[in-house]
């Protein structure tokens, strides 16, 4: 095959692999099934207390907002 055809085939293969990888990740989900065993769901009701608990313990608290329906 001419070099231009090989380059196109390689690009198509790379795109197919990337699409398959992204589809696999989307199907698997972003977080592992047990992520709530080592994280805390923050709500309007517990947010201030959880932040204060981390501050009082001289710990770092990482809060991530994720858009969701509920």
C-alpha atoms as a PDB file:
ATOM      1  CA  UNK A   1       0.000   0.000   0.000  1.00  0.00           C
ATOM      2  CA  UNK A   2       1.151   3.553  -0.645  1.00  0.00           C
ATOM      3  CA  UNK A   3       2.227   5.587   2.421  1.00  0.00           C
ATOM      4  CA  UNK A   4      -0.853   7.819   2.247  1.00  0.00           C
ATOM      5  CA  UNK A   5      -3.183   4.795   2.473  1.00  0.00           C
ATOM      6  CA  UNK A   6      -1.215   3.323   5.373  1.00  0.00           C
ATOM      7  CA  UNK A   7      -1.432   6.652   7.217  1.00  0.00           C
ATOM      8  CA  UNK A   8      -5.206   6.808   6.708  1.00  0.00           C
ATOM      9  CA  UNK A   9      -5.603   3.219   7.898  1.00  0.00           C
ATOM     10  CA  UNK A  10      -3.483   3.931  10.971  1.00  0.00           C
ATOM     11  CA  UNK A  11      -5.539   7.024  11.765  1.00  0.00           C
ATOM     12  CA  UNK A  12      -8.804   5.096  11.382  1.00  0.00           C
ATOM     13  CA  UNK A  13      -7.494   2.369  13.657  1.00  0.00           C
ATOM     14  CA  UNK A  14      -6.399   4.907  16.276  1.00  0.00           C
ATOM     15  CA  UNK A  15      -9.810   6.604  16.194  1.00  0.00           C
ATOM     16  CA  UNK A  16     -11.586   3.248  16.479  1.00  0.00           C
ATOM     17  CA  UNK A  17      -9.475   2.275  19.492  1.00  0.00           C
ATOM     18  CA  UNK A  18     -10.134   5.654  21.137  1.00  0.00           C
ATOM     19  CA  UNK A  19     -13.881   5.397  20.545  1.00  0.00           C
ATOM     20  CA  UNK A  20     -13.920   1.855  21.958  1.00  0.00           C
ATOM     21  CA  UNK A  21     -11.976   2.983  25.044  1.00  0.00           C
ATOM     22  CA  UNK A  22     -14.305   5.922  25.706  1.00  0.00           C
ATOM     23  CA  UNK A  23     -17.357   3.710  25.232  1.00  0.00           C
ATOM     24  CA  UNK A  24     -15.909   1.198  27.681  1.00  0.00           C
ATOM     25  CA  UNK A  25     -15.296   3.872  30.299  1.00  0.00           C
ATOM     26  CA  UNK A  26     -18.783   5.282  29.870  1.00  0.00           C
ATOM     27  CA  UNK A  27     -20.277   1.829  30.319  1.00  0.00           C
ATOM     28  CA  UNK A  28     -18.119   1.098  33.363  1.00  0.00           C
ATOM     29  CA  UNK A  29     -18.969   4.385  35.072  1.00  0.00           C
ATOM     30  CA  UNK A  30     -16.643   7.020  36.413  1.00  0.00           C
ATOM     31  CA  UNK A  31     -16.448   5.821  40.000  1.00  0.00           C
ATOM     32  CA  UNK A  32     -15.960   2.310  41.364  1.00  0.00           C
ATOM     33  CA  UNK A  33     -18.998   0.628  42.897  1.00  0.00           C
ATOM     34  CA  UNK A  34     -17.604   0.947  46.440  1.00  0.00           C
ATOM     35  CA  UNK A  35     -16.660   4.637  46.269  1.00  0.00           C
ATOM     36  CA  UNK A  36     -19.186   5.584  48.980  1.00  0.00           C
ATOM     37  CA  UNK A  37     -17.236   3.453  51.463  1.00  0.00           C
ATOM     38  CA  UNK A  38     -14.397   5.986  51.400  1.00  0.00           C
ATOM     39  CA  UNK A  39     -16.184   9.192  50.432  1.00  0.00           C
ATOM     40  CA  UNK A  40     -18.983  11.249  51.948  1.00  0.00           C
ATOM     41  CA  UNK A  41     -22.019  12.485  50.100  1.00  0.00           C
ATOM     42  CA  UNK A  42     -22.425  16.135  51.002  1.00  0.00           C
ATOM     43  CA  UNK A  43     -25.874  17.636  51.168  1.00  0.00           C
ATOM     44  CA  UNK A  44     -27.236  21.018  52.178  1.00  0.00           C
ATOM     45  CA  UNK A  45     -27.934  19.521  55.584  1.00  0.00           C
ATOM     46  CA  UNK A  46     -24.463  18.079  56.344  1.00  0.00           C
ATOM     47  CA  UNK A  47     -22.135  20.363  54.370  1.00  0.00           C
ATOM     48  CA  UNK A  48     -21.260  22.871  57.113  1.00  0.00           C
ATOM     49  CA  UNK A  49     -20.741  20.162  59.735  1.00  0.00           C
ATOM     50  CA  UNK A  50     -18.452  18.115  57.467  1.00  0.00           C
ATOM     51  CA  UNK A  51     -16.360  21.166  56.582  1.00  0.00           C
ATOM     52  CA  UNK A  52     -16.117  22.183  60.231  1.00  0.00           C
ATOM     53  CA  UNK A  53     -15.122  18.632  61.223  1.00  0.00           C
ATOM     54  CA  UNK A  54     -12.268  18.680  58.674  1.00  0.00           C
ATOM     55  CA  UNK A  55     -11.116  22.145  59.806  1.00  0.00           C
ATOM     56  CA  UNK A  56     -11.228  21.142  63.485  1.00  0.00           C
ATOM     57  CA  UNK A  57      -9.198  18.004  62.691  1.00  0.00           C
ATOM     58  CA  UNK A  58      -6.626  20.095  60.772  1.00  0.00           C
ATOM     59  CA  UNK A  59      -7.345  18.010  57.655  1.00  0.00           C
ATOM     60  CA  UNK A  60      -7.721  18.886  54.013  1.00  0.00           C
ATOM     61  CA  UNK A  61     -11.183  18.516  52.541  1.00  0.00           C
ATOM     62  CA  UNK A  62     -11.714  18.195  48.816  1.00  0.00           C
ATOM     63  CA  UNK A  63     -15.229  19.008  47.639  1.00  0.00           C
ATOM     64  CA  UNK A  64     -16.329  18.192  44.131  1.00  0.00           C
ATOM     65  CA  UNK A  65     -19.657  19.350  42.792  1.00  0.00           C
ATOM     66  CA  UNK A  66     -21.203  17.046  40.239  1.00  0.00           C
ATOM     67  CA  UNK A  67     -24.310  18.051  38.374  1.00  0.00           C
ATOM     68  CA  UNK A  68     -27.052  15.522  38.910  1.00  0.00           C
ATOM     69  CA  UNK A  69     -30.801  15.284  38.956  1.00  0.00           C
ATOM     70  CA  UNK A  70     -31.083  14.361  42.578  1.00  0.00           C
END
